[in-house]
Amino acid sequence: MSFEQAMRALEEVVGHLEKGDVPLERSIELYERGALLKARCAATLAAAEEKVARITTDAGGAARGTEPLDP
């Protein structure tokens, strides 16, 4: 599942829960699914942030390549 797919699924879960017309057991299932989707999205964003943090630039600001985050 891509980040975008996970975000759409999470938005659907939140939408169902916000309506308030879902039975309790289904609400619990949706909440658990939402928690998993949130964790997946957070991990994907953290990995992307780490990758961006490793991009090196030259004196003019142009991207040169990457280097380890903790050299």
PDB file of N, CA and C in Angstrom:
ATOM      1  N   MET A   1       0.846  -1.175   0.000  1.00  0.00           N
ATOM      2  CA  MET A   1       0.000   0.000   0.000  1.00  0.00           C
ATOM      3  C   MET A   1       0.892   1.239   0.000  1.00  0.00           C
ATOM      4  N   SER A   2       0.641   2.129  -0.925  1.00  0.00           N
ATOM      5  CA  SER A   2       1.430   3.353  -1.007  1.00  0.00           C
ATOM      6  C   SER A   2       1.008   4.320   0.106  1.00  0.00           C
ATOM      7  N   PHE A   3       1.805   5.341   0.300  1.00  0.00           N
ATOM      8  CA  PHE A   3       1.487   6.371   1.287  1.00  0.00           C
ATOM      9  C   PHE A   3       0.138   7.011   0.970  1.00  0.00           C
ATOM     10  N   GLU A   4      -0.063   7.318  -0.302  1.00  0.00           N
ATOM     11  CA  GLU A   4      -1.305   7.966  -0.715  1.00  0.00           C
ATOM     12  C   GLU A   4      -2.520   7.067  -0.472  1.00  0.00           C
ATOM     13  N   GLN A   5      -2.376   5.780  -0.743  1.00  0.00           N
ATOM     14  CA  GLN A   5      -3.468   4.835  -0.495  1.00  0.00           C
ATOM     15  C   GLN A   5      -3.763   4.737   1.001  1.00  0.00           C
ATOM     16  N   ALA A   6      -2.710   4.708   1.807  1.00  0.00           N
ATOM     17  CA  ALA A   6      -2.884   4.628   3.255  1.00  0.00           C
ATOM     18  C   ALA A   6      -3.570   5.885   3.782  1.00  0.00           C
ATOM     19  N   MET A   7      -3.203   7.045   3.249  1.00  0.00           N
ATOM     20  CA  MET A   7      -3.842   8.288   3.683  1.00  0.00           C
ATOM     21  C   MET A   7      -5.325   8.309   3.305  1.00  0.00           C
ATOM     22  N   ARG A   8      -5.645   7.850   2.093  1.00  0.00           N
ATOM     23  CA  ARG A   8      -7.057   7.807   1.678  1.00  0.00           C
ATOM     24  C   ARG A   8      -7.850   6.864   2.575  1.00  0.00           C
ATOM     25  N   ALA A   9      -7.268   5.704   2.872  1.00  0.00           N
ATOM     26  CA  ALA A   9      -7.938   4.737   3.748  1.00  0.00           C
ATOM     27  C   ALA A   9      -8.137   5.329   5.141  1.00  0.00           C
ATOM     28  N   LEU A  10      -7.129   6.037   5.637  1.00  0.00           N
ATOM     29  CA  LEU A  10      -7.230   6.666   6.957  1.00  0.00           C
ATOM     30  C   LEU A  10      -8.318   7.741   6.950  1.00  0.00           C
ATOM     31  N   GLU A  11      -8.393   8.520   5.880  1.00  0.00           N
ATOM     32  CA  GLU A  11      -9.438   9.537   5.777  1.00  0.00           C
ATOM     33  C   GLU A  11     -10.832   8.898   5.770  1.00  0.00           C
ATOM     34  N   GLU A  12     -10.964   7.755   5.107  1.00  0.00           N
ATOM     35  CA  GLU A  12     -12.245   7.042   5.098  1.00  0.00           C
ATOM     36  C   GLU A  12     -12.611   6.571   6.502  1.00  0.00           C
ATOM     37  N   VAL A  13     -11.641   6.022   7.214  1.00  0.00           N
ATOM     38  CA  VAL A  13     -11.876   5.551   8.574  1.00  0.00           C
ATOM     39  C   VAL A  13     -12.344   6.711   9.447  1.00  0.00           C
ATOM     40  N   VAL A  14     -11.634   7.825   9.374  1.00  0.00           N
ATOM     41  CA  VAL A  14     -11.985   8.995  10.180  1.00  0.00           C
ATOM     42  C   VAL A  14     -13.391   9.479   9.815  1.00  0.00           C
ATOM     43  N   GLY A  15     -13.699   9.486   8.526  1.00  0.00           N
ATOM     44  CA  GLY A  15     -15.022   9.905   8.090  1.00  0.00           C
ATOM     45  C   GLY A  15     -16.129   9.052   8.689  1.00  0.00           C
ATOM     46  N   HIS A  16     -15.925   7.746   8.684  1.00  0.00           N
ATOM     47  CA  HIS A  16     -16.921   6.840   9.268  1.00  0.00           C
ATOM     48  C   HIS A  16     -17.071   7.093  10.767  1.00  0.00           C
ATOM     49  N   LEU A  17     -15.952   7.273  11.443  1.00  0.00           N
ATOM     50  CA  LEU A  17     -16.013   7.478  12.890  1.00  0.00           C
ATOM     51  C   LEU A  17     -16.642   8.821  13.243  1.00  0.00           C
ATOM     52  N   GLU A  18     -16.389   9.838  12.430  1.00  0.00           N
ATOM     53  CA  GLU A  18     -16.949  11.162  12.714  1.00  0.00           C
ATOM     54  C   GLU A  18     -18.461  11.200  12.545  1.00  0.00           C
ATOM     55  N   LYS A  19     -18.994  10.352  11.684  1.00  0.00           N
ATOM     56  CA  LYS A  19     -20.448  10.326  11.489  1.00  0.00           C
ATOM     57  C   LYS A  19     -21.163   9.925  12.769  1.00  0.00           C
ATOM     58  N   GLY A  20     -20.538   9.043  13.536  1.00  0.00           N
ATOM     59  CA  GLY A  20     -21.117   8.636  14.807  1.00  0.00           C
ATOM     60  C   GLY A  20     -22.266   7.647  14.708  1.00  0.00           C
ATOM     61  N   ASP A  21     -22.534   7.128  13.511  1.00  0.00           N
ATOM     62  CA  ASP A  21     -23.645   6.193  13.354  1.00  0.00           C
ATOM     63  C   ASP A  21     -23.175   4.754  13.154  1.00  0.00           C
ATOM     64  N   VAL A  22     -21.958   4.480  13.574  1.00  0.00           N
ATOM     65  CA  VAL A  22     -21.374   3.150  13.429  1.00  0.00           C
ATOM     66  C   VAL A  22     -21.539   2.403  14.747  1.00  0.00           C
ATOM     67  N   PRO A  23     -21.960   1.143  14.703  1.00  0.00           N
ATOM     68  CA  PRO A  23     -22.085   0.362  15.940  1.00  0.00           C
ATOM     69  C   PRO A  23     -20.744   0.284  16.688  1.00  0.00           C
ATOM     70  N   LEU A  24     -20.833   0.093  17.985  1.00  0.00           N
ATOM     71  CA  LEU A  24     -19.651   0.105  18.841  1.00  0.00           C
ATOM     72  C   LEU A  24     -18.565  -0.853  18.366  1.00  0.00           C
ATOM     73  N   GLU A  25     -18.913  -2.094  18.100  1.00  0.00           N
ATOM     74  CA  GLU A  25     -17.911  -3.084  17.676  1.00  0.00           C
ATOM     75  C   GLU A  25     -17.218  -2.644  16.387  1.00  0.00           C
ATOM     76  N   ARG A  26     -17.989  -2.123  15.438  1.00  0.00           N
ATOM     77  CA  ARG A  26     -17.413  -1.636  14.176  1.00  0.00           C
ATOM     78  C   ARG A  26     -16.538  -0.413  14.426  1.00  0.00           C
ATOM     79  N   SER A  27     -16.946   0.442  15.357  1.00  0.00           N
ATOM     80  CA  SER A  27     -16.136   1.612  15.706  1.00  0.00           C
ATOM     81  C   SER A  27     -14.774   1.190  16.238  1.00  0.00           C
ATOM     82  N   ILE A  28     -14.766   0.161  17.054  1.00  0.00           N
ATOM     83  CA  ILE A  28     -13.501  -0.336  17.614  1.00  0.00           C
ATOM     84  C   ILE A  28     -12.622  -0.880  16.495  1.00  0.00           C
ATOM     85  N   GLU A  29     -13.216  -1.641  15.583  1.00  0.00           N
ATOM     86  CA  GLU A  29     -12.457  -2.170  14.443  1.00  0.00           C
ATOM     87  C   GLU A  29     -11.887  -1.034  13.599  1.00  0.00           C
ATOM     88  N   LEU A  30     -12.712  -0.035  13.342  1.00  0.00           N
ATOM     89  CA  LEU A  30     -12.249   1.106  12.540  1.00  0.00           C
ATOM     90  C   LEU A  30     -11.132   1.851  13.252  1.00  0.00           C
ATOM     91  N   TYR A  31     -11.274   2.035  14.561  1.00  0.00           N
ATOM     92  CA  TYR A  31     -10.243   2.727  15.332  1.00  0.00           C
ATOM     93  C   TYR A  31      -8.918   1.979  15.255  1.00  0.00           C
ATOM     94  N   GLU A  32      -8.968   0.655  15.410  1.00  0.00           N
ATOM     95  CA  GLU A  32      -7.743  -0.152  15.341  1.00  0.00           C
ATOM     96  C   GLU A  32      -7.110  -0.051  13.963  1.00  0.00           C
ATOM     97  N   ARG A  33      -7.929  -0.115  12.907  1.00  0.00           N
ATOM     98  CA  ARG A  33      -7.410   0.026  11.548  1.00  0.00           C
ATOM     99  C   ARG A  33      -6.797   1.413  11.356  1.00  0.00           C
ATOM    100  N   GLY A  34      -7.467   2.423  11.863  1.00  0.00           N
ATOM    101  CA  GLY A  34      -6.952   3.787  11.767  1.00  0.00           C
ATOM    102  C   GLY A  34      -5.604   3.940  12.458  1.00  0.00           C
ATOM    103  N   ALA A  35      -5.464   3.313  13.620  1.00  0.00           N
ATOM    104  CA  ALA A  35      -4.197   3.387  14.349  1.00  0.00           C
ATOM    105  C   ALA A  35      -3.075   2.745  13.538  1.00  0.00           C
ATOM    106  N   LEU A  36      -3.354   1.612  12.899  1.00  0.00           N
ATOM    107  CA  LEU A  36      -2.343   0.955  12.063  1.00  0.00           C
ATOM    108  C   LEU A  36      -1.984   1.810  10.851  1.00  0.00           C
ATOM    109  N   LEU A  37      -2.998   2.381  10.222  1.00  0.00           N
ATOM    110  CA  LEU A  37      -2.750   3.235   9.059  1.00  0.00           C
ATOM    111  C   LEU A  37      -1.948   4.472   9.451  1.00  0.00           C
ATOM    112  N   LYS A  38      -2.273   5.067  10.583  1.00  0.00           N
ATOM    113  CA  LYS A  38      -1.536   6.241  11.068  1.00  0.00           C
ATOM    114  C   LYS A  38      -0.069   5.893  11.305  1.00  0.00           C
ATOM    115  N   ALA A  39       0.174   4.750  11.913  1.00  0.00           N
ATOM    116  CA  ALA A  39       1.555   4.328  12.172  1.00  0.00           C
ATOM    117  C   ALA A  39       2.308   4.110  10.861  1.00  0.00           C
ATOM    118  N   ARG A  40       1.655   3.511   9.890  1.00  0.00           N
ATOM    119  CA  ARG A  40       2.282   3.287   8.584  1.00  0.00           C
ATOM    120  C   ARG A  40       2.630   4.608   7.911  1.00  0.00           C
ATOM    121  N   CYS A  41       1.694   5.547   7.925  1.00  0.00           N
ATOM    122  CA  CYS A  41       1.940   6.857   7.318  1.00  0.00           C
ATOM    123  C   CYS A  41       3.068   7.595   8.043  1.00  0.00           C
ATOM    124  N   ALA A  42       3.073   7.539   9.360  1.00  0.00           N
ATOM    125  CA  ALA A  42       4.119   8.210  10.140  1.00  0.00           C
ATOM    126  C   ALA A  42       5.486   7.621   9.836  1.00  0.00           C
ATOM    127  N   ALA A  43       5.572   6.306   9.708  1.00  0.00           N
ATOM    128  CA  ALA A  43       6.854   5.664   9.393  1.00  0.00           C
ATOM    129  C   ALA A  43       7.328   6.050   7.991  1.00  0.00           C
ATOM    130  N   THR A  44       6.405   6.104   7.046  1.00  0.00           N
ATOM    131  CA  THR A  44       6.761   6.489   5.682  1.00  0.00           C
ATOM    132  C   THR A  44       7.259   7.929   5.644  1.00  0.00           C
ATOM    133  N   LEU A  45       6.580   8.824   6.362  1.00  0.00           N
ATOM    134  CA  LEU A  45       7.018  10.220   6.410  1.00  0.00           C
ATOM    135  C   LEU A  45       8.380  10.362   7.088  1.00  0.00           C
ATOM    136  N   ALA A  46       8.592   9.617   8.160  1.00  0.00           N
ATOM    137  CA  ALA A  46       9.878   9.680   8.855  1.00  0.00           C
ATOM    138  C   ALA A  46      11.012   9.228   7.936  1.00  0.00           C
ATOM    139  N   ALA A  47      10.785   8.175   7.179  1.00  0.00           N
ATOM    140  CA  ALA A  47      11.805   7.687   6.244  1.00  0.00           C
ATOM    141  C   ALA A  47      12.080   8.723   5.158  1.00  0.00           C
ATOM    142  N   ALA A  48      11.034   9.378   4.674  1.00  0.00           N
ATOM    143  CA  ALA A  48      11.211  10.408   3.645  1.00  0.00           C
ATOM    144  C   ALA A  48      11.970  11.602   4.206  1.00  0.00           C
ATOM    145  N   GLU A  49      11.651  12.010   5.422  1.00  0.00           N
ATOM    146  CA  GLU A  49      12.358  13.129   6.049  1.00  0.00           C
ATOM    147  C   GLU A  49      13.832  12.811   6.235  1.00  0.00           C
ATOM    148  N   GLU A  50      14.121  11.580   6.610  1.00  0.00           N
ATOM    149  CA  GLU A  50      15.511  11.180   6.792  1.00  0.00           C
ATOM    150  C   GLU A  50      16.257  11.235   5.464  1.00  0.00           C
ATOM    151  N   LYS A  51      15.610  10.762   4.420  1.00  0.00           N
ATOM    152  CA  LYS A  51      16.241  10.777   3.100  1.00  0.00           C
ATOM    153  C   LYS A  51      16.511  12.208   2.636  1.00  0.00           C
ATOM    154  N   VAL A  52      15.551  13.092   2.830  1.00  0.00           N
ATOM    155  CA  VAL A  52      15.727  14.491   2.436  1.00  0.00           C
ATOM    156  C   VAL A  52      16.836  15.129   3.259  1.00  0.00           C
ATOM    157  N   ALA A  53      16.931  14.796   4.530  1.00  0.00           N
ATOM    158  CA  ALA A  53      17.960  15.370   5.398  1.00  0.00           C
ATOM    159  C   ALA A  53      19.354  14.979   4.937  1.00  0.00           C
ATOM    160  N   ARG A  54      19.475  13.893   4.198  1.00  0.00           N
ATOM    161  CA  ARG A  54      20.786  13.422   3.756  1.00  0.00           C
ATOM    162  C   ARG A  54      21.231  14.019   2.426  1.00  0.00           C
ATOM    163  N   ILE A  55      20.368  14.783   1.771  1.00  0.00           N
ATOM    164  CA  ILE A  55      20.748  15.371   0.487  1.00  0.00           C
ATOM    165  C   ILE A  55      21.769  16.469   0.728  1.00  0.00           C
ATOM    166  N   THR A  56      22.878  16.412   0.004  1.00  0.00           N
ATOM    167  CA  THR A  56      23.914  17.428   0.138  1.00  0.00           C
ATOM    168  C   THR A  56      23.817  18.403  -1.028  1.00  0.00           C
ATOM    169  N   THR A  57      24.266  19.628  -0.784  1.00  0.00           N
ATOM    170  CA  THR A  57      24.239  20.647  -1.825  1.00  0.00           C
ATOM    171  C   THR A  57      25.616  21.255  -2.006  1.00  0.00           C
ATOM    172  N   ASP A  58      25.822  21.852  -3.183  1.00  0.00           N
ATOM    173  CA  ASP A  58      27.081  22.553  -3.422  1.00  0.00           C
ATOM    174  C   ASP A  58      26.936  24.002  -2.965  1.00  0.00           C
ATOM    175  N   ALA A  59      27.964  24.817  -3.195  1.00  0.00           N
ATOM    176  CA  ALA A  59      27.965  26.207  -2.740  1.00  0.00           C
ATOM    177  C   ALA A  59      26.808  27.004  -3.349  1.00  0.00           C
ATOM    178  N   GLY A  60      26.359  26.632  -4.541  1.00  0.00           N
ATOM    179  CA  GLY A  60      25.272  27.330  -5.195  1.00  0.00           C
ATOM    180  C   GLY A  60      23.901  26.832  -4.772  1.00  0.00           C
ATOM    181  N   GLY A  61      23.852  25.808  -3.944  1.00  0.00           N
ATOM    182  CA  GLY A  61      22.589  25.282  -3.466  1.00  0.00           C
ATOM    183  C   GLY A  61      22.031  24.144  -4.301  1.00  0.00           C
ATOM    184  N   ALA A  62      22.760  23.727  -5.337  1.00  0.00           N
ATOM    185  CA  ALA A  62      22.282  22.627  -6.180  1.00  0.00           C
ATOM    186  C   ALA A  62      22.554  21.288  -5.491  1.00  0.00           C
ATOM    187  N   ALA A  63      21.640  20.352  -5.648  1.00  0.00           N
ATOM    188  CA  ALA A  63      21.808  19.025  -5.047  1.00  0.00           C
ATOM    189  C   ALA A  63      23.009  18.334  -5.670  1.00  0.00           C
ATOM    190  N   ARG A  64      23.876  17.779  -4.820  1.00  0.00           N
ATOM    191  CA  ARG A  64      25.083  17.080  -5.253  1.00  0.00           C
ATOM    192  C   ARG A  64      24.966  15.585  -5.117  1.00  0.00           C
ATOM    193  N   GLY A  65      24.234  15.156  -4.156  1.00  0.00           N
ATOM    194  CA  GLY A  65      24.129  13.732  -3.863  1.00  0.00           C
ATOM    195  C   GLY A  65      23.612  13.564  -2.452  1.00  0.00           C
ATOM    196  N   THR A  66      23.905  12.427  -1.889  1.00  0.00           N
ATOM    197  CA  THR A  66      23.468  12.167  -0.523  1.00  0.00           C
ATOM    198  C   THR A  66      24.642  11.695   0.307  1.00  0.00           C
ATOM    199  N   GLU A  67      24.464  11.775   1.601  1.00  0.00           N
ATOM    200  CA  GLU A  67      25.465  11.259   2.536  1.00  0.00           C
ATOM    201  C   GLU A  67      24.732  10.690   3.730  1.00  0.00           C
ATOM    202  N   PRO A  68      25.381   9.847   4.504  1.00  0.00           N
ATOM    203  CA  PRO A  68      24.721   9.272   5.671  1.00  0.00           C
ATOM    204  C   PRO A  68      24.243  10.356   6.622  1.00  0.00           C
ATOM    205  N   LEU A  69      23.068  10.144   7.239  1.00  0.00           N
ATOM    206  CA  LEU A  69      22.523  11.116   8.160  1.00  0.00           C
ATOM    207  C   LEU A  69      23.433  11.288   9.377  1.00  0.00           C
ATOM    208  N   ASP A  70      23.984  10.197   9.884  1.00  0.00           N
ATOM    209  CA  ASP A  70      24.910  10.233  11.014  1.00  0.00           C
ATOM    210  C   ASP A  70      26.279   9.777  10.518  1.00  0.00           C
ATOM    211  N   PRO A  71      27.065  10.711   9.934  1.00  0.00           N
ATOM    212  CA  PRO A  71      28.360  10.302   9.339  1.00  0.00           C
ATOM    213  C   PRO A  71      29.357   9.777  10.343  1.00  0.00           C
TER     214      PRO A  71
END
